[in-house]
Structure formats: C-alpha cells, structure tokens
C-alpha atoms as a PDB file:
ATOM      1  CA  UNK A   1       6.438  -6.848  -9.368  1.00  0.00           C
ATOM      2  CA  UNK A   2       3.061  -7.932 -10.735  1.00  0.00           C
ATOM      3  CA  UNK A   3       1.396  -5.059  -8.876  1.00  0.00           C
ATOM      4  CA  UNK A   4       3.913  -2.607 -10.378  1.00  0.00           C
ATOM      5  CA  UNK A   5       3.296  -3.959 -13.867  1.00  0.00           C
ATOM      6  CA  UNK A   6      -0.458  -3.682 -13.367  1.00  0.00           C
ATOM      7  CA  UNK A   7       0.044  -0.098 -12.227  1.00  0.00           C
ATOM      8  CA  UNK A   8       2.096   0.765 -15.326  1.00  0.00           C
ATOM      9  CA  UNK A   9      -0.501  -0.908 -17.545  1.00  0.00           C
ATOM     10  CA  UNK A  10      -3.284   1.058 -15.857  1.00  0.00           C
ATOM     11  CA  UNK A  11      -1.384   4.322 -16.383  1.00  0.00           C
ATOM     12  CA  UNK A  12      -1.023   3.444 -20.061  1.00  0.00           C
ATOM     13  CA  UNK A  13      -4.731   2.747 -20.339  1.00  0.00           C
ATOM     14  CA  UNK A  14      -5.523   6.034 -18.559  1.00  0.00           C
ATOM     15  CA  UNK A  15      -3.234   8.035 -20.859  1.00  0.00           C
ATOM     16  CA  UNK A  16      -4.748   6.464 -23.964  1.00  0.00           C
ATOM     17  CA  UNK A  17      -8.278   7.010 -22.634  1.00  0.00           C
ATOM     18  CA  UNK A  18      -7.721  10.713 -21.981  1.00  0.00           C
ATOM     19  CA  UNK A  19      -5.957  11.298 -25.299  1.00  0.00           C
ATOM     20  CA  UNK A  20      -8.917   9.730 -27.068  1.00  0.00           C
ATOM     21  CA  UNK A  21     -11.307  11.684 -24.879  1.00  0.00           C
ATOM     22  CA  UNK A  22      -9.751  15.058 -25.767  1.00  0.00           C
ATOM     23  CA  UNK A  23      -9.970  14.200 -29.464  1.00  0.00           C
ATOM     24  CA  UNK A  24     -13.627  13.233 -29.066  1.00  0.00           C
ATOM     25  CA  UNK A  25     -14.365  16.428 -27.144  1.00  0.00           C
ATOM     26  CA  UNK A  26     -12.766  18.521 -29.872  1.00  0.00           C
ATOM     27  CA  UNK A  27     -14.620  16.677 -32.645  1.00  0.00           C
ATOM     28  CA  UNK A  28     -17.972  16.732 -30.866  1.00  0.00           C
ATOM     29  CA  UNK A  29     -17.813  20.414 -29.948  1.00  0.00           C
ATOM     30  CA  UNK A  30     -16.733  21.357 -33.477  1.00  0.00           C
ATOM     31  CA  UNK A  31     -20.153  20.177 -34.688  1.00  0.00           C
ATOM     32  CA  UNK A  32     -21.996  22.477 -32.273  1.00  0.00           C
ATOM     33  CA  UNK A  33     -23.396  25.835 -33.388  1.00  0.00           C
ATOM     34  CA  UNK A  34     -21.914  29.154 -32.351  1.00  0.00           C
ATOM     35  CA  UNK A  35     -20.405  30.086 -30.012  1.00  0.00           C
ATOM     36  CA  UNK A  36     -19.271  26.528 -29.204  1.00  0.00           C
ATOM     37  CA  UNK A  37     -18.204  25.173 -32.601  1.00  0.00           C
ATOM     38  CA  UNK A  38     -15.721  27.919 -33.502  1.00  0.00           C
ATOM     39  CA  UNK A  39     -14.161  27.584 -30.025  1.00  0.00           C
ATOM     40  CA  UNK A  40     -13.998  23.786 -29.924  1.00  0.00           C
ATOM     41  CA  UNK A  41     -10.186  23.732 -29.900  1.00  0.00           C
ATOM     42  CA  UNK A  42     -10.111  26.283 -27.084  1.00  0.00           C
ATOM     43  CA  UNK A  43     -12.387  24.115 -24.949  1.00  0.00           C
ATOM     44  CA  UNK A  44     -10.344  20.988 -25.731  1.00  0.00           C
ATOM     45  CA  UNK A  45      -7.075  22.734 -24.868  1.00  0.00           C
ATOM     46  CA  UNK A  46      -8.601  24.105 -21.678  1.00  0.00           C
ATOM     47  CA  UNK A  47      -9.782  20.601 -20.759  1.00  0.00           C
ATOM     48  CA  UNK A  48      -6.221  19.329 -21.219  1.00  0.00           C
ATOM     49  CA  UNK A  49      -4.944  22.112 -18.952  1.00  0.00           C
ATOM     50  CA  UNK A  50      -7.578  21.221 -16.351  1.00  0.00           C
ATOM     51  CA  UNK A  51      -6.545  17.568 -16.381  1.00  0.00           C
ATOM     52  CA  UNK A  52      -2.822  18.375 -16.299  1.00  0.00           C
ATOM     53  CA  UNK A  53      -3.400  20.736 -13.382  1.00  0.00           C
ATOM     54  CA  UNK A  54      -5.352  18.018 -11.577  1.00  0.00           C
ATOM     55  CA  UNK A  55      -2.763  15.295 -12.175  1.00  0.00           C
ATOM     56  CA  UNK A  56       0.222  17.473 -11.250  1.00  0.00           C
ATOM     57  CA  UNK A  57      -1.313  18.868  -8.077  1.00  0.00           C
ATOM     58  CA  UNK A  58      -2.842  15.494  -7.229  1.00  0.00           C
ATOM     59  CA  UNK A  59       0.539  13.751  -7.452  1.00  0.00           C
ATOM     60  CA  UNK A  60       2.297  16.320  -5.288  1.00  0.00           C
ATOM     61  CA  UNK A  61      -0.710  16.398  -2.967  1.00  0.00           C
ATOM     62  CA  UNK A  62      -0.543  12.648  -2.468  1.00  0.00           C
ATOM     63  CA  UNK A  63       3.115  12.876  -1.455  1.00  0.00           C
ATOM     64  CA  UNK A  64       2.352  15.807   0.866  1.00  0.00           C
ATOM     65  CA  UNK A  65      -0.589  13.912   2.332  1.00  0.00           C
ATOM     66  CA  UNK A  66       1.457  10.794   3.070  1.00  0.00           C
ATOM     67  CA  UNK A  67       4.250  12.785   4.699  1.00  0.00           C
ATOM     68  CA  UNK A  68       1.873  14.972   6.731  1.00  0.00           C
ATOM     69  CA  UNK A  69      -0.321  12.025   7.705  1.00  0.00           C
ATOM     70  CA  UNK A  70       2.637  10.027   8.988  1.00  0.00           C
ATOM     71  CA  UNK A  71       4.063  13.118  10.706  1.00  0.00           C
ATOM     72  CA  UNK A  72       0.783  13.606  12.586  1.00  0.00           C
ATOM     73  CA  UNK A  73       1.162  10.060  13.932  1.00  0.00           C
ATOM     74  CA  UNK A  74       4.743  10.640  15.039  1.00  0.00           C
ATOM     75  CA  UNK A  75       5.672  10.721  18.701  1.00  0.00           C
ATOM     76  CA  UNK A  76       8.136  13.504  17.908  1.00  0.00           C
ATOM     77  CA  UNK A  77       6.582  16.922  18.491  1.00  0.00           C
ATOM     78  CA  UNK A  78       8.976  18.479  15.974  1.00  0.00           C
ATOM     79  CA  UNK A  79       7.213  16.451  13.272  1.00  0.00           C
ATOM     80  CA  UNK A  80       3.700  16.208  14.688  1.00  0.00           C
ATOM     81  CA  UNK A  81       3.079  19.874  15.526  1.00  0.00           C
ATOM     82  CA  UNK A  82       4.058  21.395  12.125  1.00  0.00           C
ATOM     83  CA  UNK A  83       1.973  18.749  10.321  1.00  0.00           C
ATOM     84  CA  UNK A  84      -1.013  19.441  12.572  1.00  0.00           C
ATOM     85  CA  UNK A  85      -0.625  23.189  12.012  1.00  0.00           C
ATOM     86  CA  UNK A  86      -0.420  22.709   8.229  1.00  0.00           C
ATOM     87  CA  UNK A  87      -3.601  20.633   8.114  1.00  0.00           C
ATOM     88  CA  UNK A  88      -5.396  23.071  10.434  1.00  0.00           C
ATOM     89  CA  UNK A  89      -4.471  26.134   8.352  1.00  0.00           C
ATOM     90  CA  UNK A  90      -5.304  24.618   4.976  1.00  0.00           C
ATOM     91  CA  UNK A  91      -8.594  23.031   6.003  1.00  0.00           C
ATOM     92  CA  UNK A  92      -9.697  26.210   7.773  1.00  0.00           C
ATOM     93  CA  UNK A  93      -9.173  28.689   4.924  1.00  0.00           C
ATOM     94  CA  UNK A  94     -10.815  28.992   1.477  1.00  0.00           C
ATOM     95  CA  UNK A  95      -8.983  27.480  -1.468  1.00  0.00           C
ATOM     96  CA  UNK A  96      -9.319  30.655  -3.526  1.00  0.00           C
ATOM     97  CA  UNK A  97      -7.483  32.573  -0.785  1.00  0.00           C
ATOM     98  CA  UNK A  98      -4.724  29.957  -0.806  1.00  0.00           C
ATOM     99  CA  UNK A  99      -4.327  30.268  -4.582  1.00  0.00           C
ATOM    100  CA  UNK A 100      -4.117  34.052  -4.382  1.00  0.00           C
ATOM    101  CA  UNK A 101      -1.681  33.816  -1.458  1.00  0.00           C
ATOM    102  CA  UNK A 102       0.706  31.546  -3.374  1.00  0.00           C
ATOM    103  CA  UNK A 103       0.485  33.681  -6.515  1.00  0.00           C
ATOM    104  CA  UNK A 104       0.617  37.155  -4.976  1.00  0.00           C
ATOM    105  CA  UNK A 105       1.948  36.943  -1.418  1.00  0.00           C
ATOM    106  CA  UNK A 106       4.486  34.124  -1.579  1.00  0.00           C
ATOM    107  CA  UNK A 107       6.839  35.951  -4.012  1.00  0.00           C
ATOM    108  CA  UNK A 108       6.711  38.963  -1.673  1.00  0.00           C
ATOM    109  CA  UNK A 109       7.640  36.780   1.308  1.00  0.00           C
ATOM    110  CA  UNK A 110      10.390  34.918  -0.569  1.00  0.00           C
ATOM    111  CA  UNK A 111      12.383  37.454  -2.644  1.00  0.00           C
ATOM    112  CA  UNK A 112      13.490  36.096  -5.994  1.00  0.00           C
ATOM    113  CA  UNK A 113      10.736  33.501  -6.172  1.00  0.00           C
ATOM    114  CA  UNK A 114       9.043  33.572  -9.567  1.00  0.00           C
ATOM    115  CA  UNK A 115       6.145  31.243 -10.189  1.00  0.00           C
ATOM    116  CA  UNK A 116       4.000  31.129 -13.302  1.00  0.00           C
ATOM    117  CA  UNK A 117       0.244  31.152 -12.960  1.00  0.00           C
ATOM    118  CA  UNK A 118       0.123  27.411 -13.687  1.00  0.00           C
ATOM    119  CA  UNK A 119       2.883  26.611 -11.163  1.00  0.00           C
ATOM    120  CA  UNK A 120       1.204  28.765  -8.522  1.00  0.00           C
ATOM    121  CA  UNK A 121      -2.130  27.025  -9.039  1.00  0.00           C
ATOM    122  CA  UNK A 122      -0.454  23.617  -8.946  1.00  0.00           C
ATOM    123  CA  UNK A 123       1.333  24.396  -5.685  1.00  0.00           C
ATOM    124  CA  UNK A 124      -1.783  25.819  -4.009  1.00  0.00           C
ATOM    125  CA  UNK A 125      -3.977  22.914  -5.102  1.00  0.00           C
ATOM    126  CA  UNK A 126      -1.321  20.392  -4.051  1.00  0.00           C
ATOM    127  CA  UNK A 127      -1.032  21.898  -0.581  1.00  0.00           C
ATOM    128  CA  UNK A 128      -4.813  22.013  -0.280  1.00  0.00           C
ATOM    129  CA  UNK A 129      -5.535  18.438  -1.292  1.00  0.00           C
ATOM    130  CA  UNK A 130      -2.457  17.289   0.637  1.00  0.00           C
ATOM    131  CA  UNK A 131      -4.054  18.425   3.895  1.00  0.00           C
ATOM    132  CA  UNK A 132      -7.180  16.389   3.187  1.00  0.00           C
ATOM    133  CA  UNK A 133      -5.117  13.413   2.035  1.00  0.00           C
ATOM    134  CA  UNK A 134      -3.147  13.614   5.281  1.00  0.00           C
ATOM    135  CA  UNK A 135      -6.260  12.896   7.310  1.00  0.00           C
ATOM    136  CA  UNK A 136      -7.184  10.036   4.974  1.00  0.00           C
ATOM    137  CA  UNK A 137      -3.724   8.478   5.266  1.00  0.00           C
ATOM    138  CA  UNK A 138      -3.686   8.927   9.032  1.00  0.00           C
ATOM    139  CA  UNK A 139      -7.063   7.214   9.344  1.00  0.00           C
ATOM    140  CA  UNK A 140      -5.909   4.407   7.040  1.00  0.00           C
ATOM    141  CA  UNK A 141      -2.805   3.746   9.141  1.00  0.00           C
ATOM    142  CA  UNK A 142      -4.833   3.747  12.355  1.00  0.00           C
ATOM    143  CA  UNK A 143      -7.276   1.278  10.784  1.00  0.00           C
ATOM    144  CA  UNK A 144      -4.553  -1.350  10.314  1.00  0.00           C
ATOM    145  CA  UNK A 145      -4.815  -3.819  13.227  1.00  0.00           C
ATOM    146  CA  UNK A 146      -2.070  -3.270  15.788  1.00  0.00           C
ATOM    147  CA  UNK A 147      -1.379  -6.990  15.749  1.00  0.00           C
ATOM    148  CA  UNK A 148       0.011  -6.642  12.217  1.00  0.00           C
ATOM    149  CA  UNK A 149       2.698  -4.280  13.461  1.00  0.00           C
ATOM    150  CA  UNK A 150       3.499  -6.430  16.470  1.00  0.00           C
ATOM    151  CA  UNK A 151       3.775  -9.552  14.316  1.00  0.00           C
ATOM    152  CA  UNK A 152       6.101  -7.799  11.871  1.00  0.00           C
ATOM    153  CA  UNK A 153       8.342  -6.530  14.656  1.00  0.00           C
ATOM    154  CA  UNK A 154       8.441  -9.993  16.234  1.00  0.00           C
ATOM    155  CA  UNK A 155       9.731 -11.351  12.920  1.00  0.00           C
ATOM    156  CA  UNK A 156      12.661  -8.959  13.088  1.00  0.00           C
ATOM    157  CA  UNK A 157      11.488  -6.160  10.799  1.00  0.00           C
ATOM    158  CA  UNK A 158      12.646  -2.679  11.709  1.00  0.00           C
ATOM    159  CA  UNK A 159      10.190   0.124  12.370  1.00  0.00           C
ATOM    160  CA  UNK A 160      10.737   1.553   8.881  1.00  0.00           C
ATOM    161  CA  UNK A 161      10.495  -1.897   7.316  1.00  0.00           C
ATOM    162  CA  UNK A 162       7.262  -2.606   9.145  1.00  0.00           C
ATOM    163  CA  UNK A 163       5.824   0.704   8.004  1.00  0.00           C
ATOM    164  CA  UNK A 164       6.790   0.308   4.347  1.00  0.00           C
ATOM    165  CA  UNK A 165       6.144  -3.424   3.932  1.00  0.00           C
ATOM    166  CA  UNK A 166       3.226  -4.118   6.252  1.00  0.00           C
ATOM    167  CA  UNK A 167       1.374  -1.013   7.419  1.00  0.00           C
ATOM    168  CA  UNK A 168       1.346   1.311   4.394  1.00  0.00           C
ATOM    169  CA  UNK A 169       0.239  -1.285   1.797  1.00  0.00           C
ATOM    170  CA  UNK A 170      -2.783  -2.153   3.953  1.00  0.00           C
ATOM    171  CA  UNK A 171      -3.434   1.482   4.831  1.00  0.00           C
ATOM    172  CA  UNK A 172      -3.490   2.502   1.157  1.00  0.00           C
ATOM    173  CA  UNK A 173      -5.991  -0.213   0.297  1.00  0.00           C
ATOM    174  CA  UNK A 174      -8.237   1.158   3.038  1.00  0.00           C
ATOM    175  CA  UNK A 175      -7.613   4.758   1.971  1.00  0.00           C
ATOM    176  CA  UNK A 176      -8.207   4.355  -1.772  1.00  0.00           C
ATOM    177  CA  UNK A 177     -11.966   5.226  -1.803  1.00  0.00           C
ATOM    178  CA  UNK A 178     -11.602   8.551   0.068  1.00  0.00           C
ATOM    179  CA  UNK A 179      -8.444   9.372  -1.906  1.00  0.00           C
ATOM    180  CA  UNK A 180     -10.447   8.821  -5.090  1.00  0.00           C
ATOM    181  CA  UNK A 181     -13.108  11.208  -3.806  1.00  0.00           C
ATOM    182  CA  UNK A 182     -10.404  13.791  -3.108  1.00  0.00           C
ATOM    183  CA  UNK A 183      -9.042  13.395  -6.655  1.00  0.00           C
ATOM    184  CA  UNK A 184     -12.457  13.939  -8.227  1.00  0.00           C
ATOM    185  CA  UNK A 185     -13.079  16.946  -5.978  1.00  0.00           C
ATOM    186  CA  UNK A 186      -9.649  18.287  -6.947  1.00  0.00           C
ATOM    187  CA  UNK A 187     -10.564  18.212 -10.630  1.00  0.00           C
ATOM    188  CA  UNK A 188     -13.563  20.428  -9.904  1.00  0.00           C
ATOM    189  CA  UNK A 189     -11.620  22.627  -7.473  1.00  0.00           C
ATOM    190  CA  UNK A 190      -9.066  23.317 -10.220  1.00  0.00           C
ATOM    191  CA  UNK A 191     -11.680  25.645 -11.720  1.00  0.00           C
ATOM    192  CA  UNK A 192     -10.637  28.228  -9.103  1.00  0.00           C
ATOM    193  CA  UNK A 193      -7.315  28.605 -10.921  1.00  0.00           C
ATOM    194  CA  UNK A 194      -9.107  31.042 -13.219  1.00  0.00           C
ATOM    195  CA  UNK A 195      -8.692  33.765 -10.564  1.00  0.00           C
ATOM    196  CA  UNK A 196      -4.972  34.029 -11.396  1.00  0.00           C
ATOM    197  CA  UNK A 197      -5.430  33.704 -15.155  1.00  0.00           C
ATOM    198  CA  UNK A 198      -4.818  30.011 -15.801  1.00  0.00           C
ATOM    199  CA  UNK A 199      -6.600  29.155 -19.042  1.00  0.00           C
ATOM    200  CA  UNK A 200      -8.416  26.102 -17.750  1.00  0.00           C
ATOM    201  CA  UNK A 201     -11.961  25.053 -18.556  1.00  0.00           C
ATOM    202  CA  UNK A 202     -13.833  27.606 -16.444  1.00  0.00           C
ATOM    203  CA  UNK A 203     -11.667  30.468 -17.668  1.00  0.00           C
ATOM    204  CA  UNK A 204     -12.158  29.390 -21.277  1.00  0.00           C
ATOM    205  CA  UNK A 205     -15.904  29.302 -20.776  1.00  0.00           C
ATOM    206  CA  UNK A 206     -15.859  32.748 -19.182  1.00  0.00           C
ATOM    207  CA  UNK A 207     -13.931  34.202 -22.123  1.00  0.00           C
ATOM    208  CA  UNK A 208     -16.265  32.695 -24.721  1.00  0.00           C
ATOM    209  CA  UNK A 209     -19.301  33.860 -22.755  1.00  0.00           C
ATOM    210  CA  UNK A 210     -17.876  37.385 -22.461  1.00  0.00           C
ATOM    211  CA  UNK A 211     -17.390  37.540 -26.230  1.00  0.00           C
ATOM    212  CA  UNK A 212     -20.706  35.966 -27.245  1.00  0.00           C
ATOM    213  CA  UNK A 213     -23.032  37.102 -24.428  1.00  0.00           C
ATOM    214  CA  UNK A 214     -24.583  33.616 -24.570  1.00  0.00           C
ATOM    215  CA  UNK A 215     -24.175  32.170 -21.072  1.00  0.00           C
ATOM    216  CA  UNK A 216     -26.563  29.221 -21.415  1.00  0.00           C
ATOM    217  CA  UNK A 217     -24.814  27.201 -24.178  1.00  0.00           C
ATOM    218  CA  UNK A 218     -21.359  28.129 -22.907  1.00  0.00           C
ATOM    219  CA  UNK A 219     -21.959  27.161 -19.282  1.00  0.00           C
ATOM    220  CA  UNK A 220     -23.824  24.021 -20.356  1.00  0.00           C
ATOM    221  CA  UNK A 221     -20.810  23.035 -22.469  1.00  0.00           C
ATOM    222  CA  UNK A 222     -18.367  23.703 -19.629  1.00  0.00           C
ATOM    223  CA  UNK A 223     -20.505  21.643 -17.242  1.00  0.00           C
ATOM    224  CA  UNK A 224     -20.757  18.794 -19.778  1.00  0.00           C
ATOM    225  CA  UNK A 225     -16.987  18.668 -20.261  1.00  0.00           C
ATOM    226  CA  UNK A 226     -16.394  18.679 -16.499  1.00  0.00           C
ATOM    227  CA  UNK A 227     -18.937  15.886 -16.126  1.00  0.00           C
ATOM    228  CA  UNK A 228     -17.193  13.879 -18.836  1.00  0.00           C
ATOM    229  CA  UNK A 229     -13.770  14.331 -17.237  1.00  0.00           C
ATOM    230  CA  UNK A 230     -14.978  13.402 -13.750  1.00  0.00           C
ATOM    231  CA  UNK A 231     -16.843  10.358 -15.101  1.00  0.00           C
ATOM    232  CA  UNK A 232     -13.764   9.022 -16.888  1.00  0.00           C
ATOM    233  CA  UNK A 233     -11.500   9.803 -13.930  1.00  0.00           C
ATOM    234  CA  UNK A 234     -13.912   8.048 -11.550  1.00  0.00           C
ATOM    235  CA  UNK A 235     -14.077   4.999 -13.837  1.00  0.00           C
ATOM    236  CA  UNK A 236     -10.288   4.737 -13.973  1.00  0.00           C
ATOM    237  CA  UNK A 237      -9.870   5.152 -10.228  1.00  0.00           C
ATOM    238  CA  UNK A 238     -12.598   2.570  -9.620  1.00  0.00           C
ATOM    239  CA  UNK A 239     -10.627   0.206 -11.854  1.00  0.00           C
ATOM    240  CA  UNK A 240      -7.563   0.855  -9.696  1.00  0.00           C
ATOM    241  CA  UNK A 241      -9.618   0.172  -6.580  1.00  0.00           C
ATOM    242  CA  UNK A 242     -10.798  -3.174  -7.991  1.00  0.00           C
ATOM    243  CA  UNK A 243      -7.238  -4.110  -8.895  1.00  0.00           C
ATOM    244  CA  UNK A 244      -6.112  -3.376  -5.350  1.00  0.00           C
ATOM    245  CA  UNK A 245      -9.015  -5.405  -3.961  1.00  0.00           C
ATOM    246  CA  UNK A 246      -8.102  -8.277  -6.290  1.00  0.00           C
ATOM    247  CA  UNK A 247      -4.509  -8.145  -5.115  1.00  0.00           C
ATOM    248  CA  UNK A 248      -5.657  -8.236  -1.496  1.00  0.00           C
ATOM    249  CA  UNK A 249      -7.920 -11.218  -2.181  1.00  0.00           C
ATOM    250  CA  UNK A 250      -5.037 -13.137  -3.641  1.00  0.00           C
END
C-alpha cells in the first residue's frame, strides 16, 4: 500500500513538473526573436504531443514487454514461439518502416480498420519499445535467484502467486535502469512520427524551418526542447529508481 501511494504521489509530481515545464517552454520561447518567438505556442504544443506520444506508447509498450518477456520464458511453444518471432521481427527492422507499415499497410490487411496518425504512431512505437522491454523483463526474471522461487513454492504459493508476489517485484527492481533507458530513447524515437504527419516536435520544427528558411535557430530550438524533456524525464525516472531501491532496502 505504501509503495502504491508513493507511486501515485510520484505520478502527481511528474504531472505537475511537466505542466510547469510546458508553460516555461512557451514563455521562454516567446521571448526569442523570429522565427522562434512567433511560433512559441506551436513548439509548446508540439512538445506536449511528443510527451503524450511517449507516455502512451511507453505504457502500452511496457505491458507488451512484460507479456512478451514472460511468454519467451514459457515452456509452452504456443506462447514462446510467437513472442520470439515478435521480438525478432521488431528488433530486426527499422522503426520508420514499422510506423509506415502500421499507418499504410495495416488498414489494407485489416479491412475496416481506421487509425489516426497519432494512434498509428502510438501503436508502432508501443510495439517497437515492447520488443526491447521484453528482453529487459526476461533478463530481469532470469536474474532472480532460483532459490527465491523454490522457497516460495515450498511455502505453498502457486506458480502464478510466486510469479506475481516474489519473482516480478524483484525482476522489476533489477530491470528499472534499462527500462528507463528505453523510455528516454522512446522519447527521441517519437520524432519519427513526423513521417505520417503527426505534429510533434520534429514536425513542428520542420514546418517553421520551411517557412522561415532559417535552419540553425529552428533546429537548435528543437534540440534544446528535446534535451529539456529528456533531462526532466530522466530525473523523474531516477527518482522512481531511488524509491524502488529504498523500498528494497527496507
């Protein structure tokens, strides 16, 4: 219960931090000369889209990663083989191709399917990061000493109970640092959503640059906003990592 409350409190802090950050970005960019100042709201809105795209795809990708990671550890071939194939396909093909496939090819394969550009980007990014998270989760589970599982089973816990109460909590504490790295990389990878028209940060910068023909200030601004977002996201995830370490110490 205390861990859940700490998690809710951390989410509240993160939400407040990003809301304040977007306001600061808008205010700071408004003071810049052309072509940045007149487009400050566009950059701030694009930054919000970038973060929303990252959080949505990151959440779905975490679920996909846990399910695929556990499936790869299964003794059942009907679970293990599809999960292995999914990870192999995603990790072996470029992300931009995956985004275009979901946006252009998937509706042709599944008649009646209609996805917006944002939904398509979210799905493609989620599937992509999910494959990398699957390997992280699998490694985290394998890193838990086998004696922990044997002790839990000897106390009468079922296989599912052992997994949920003993193995996964320890595996997630081990997996947090690489999962954090995947989340930060995902924020930067979301820039590829511009290829299907999502108005995220890179796309906004491209539009302003195309209108002003001033690539240096525009690209420097885009890079600075990305750097700010990744710095804040890294700080918040590091805080989560310390909280998990504190809980383990107790």
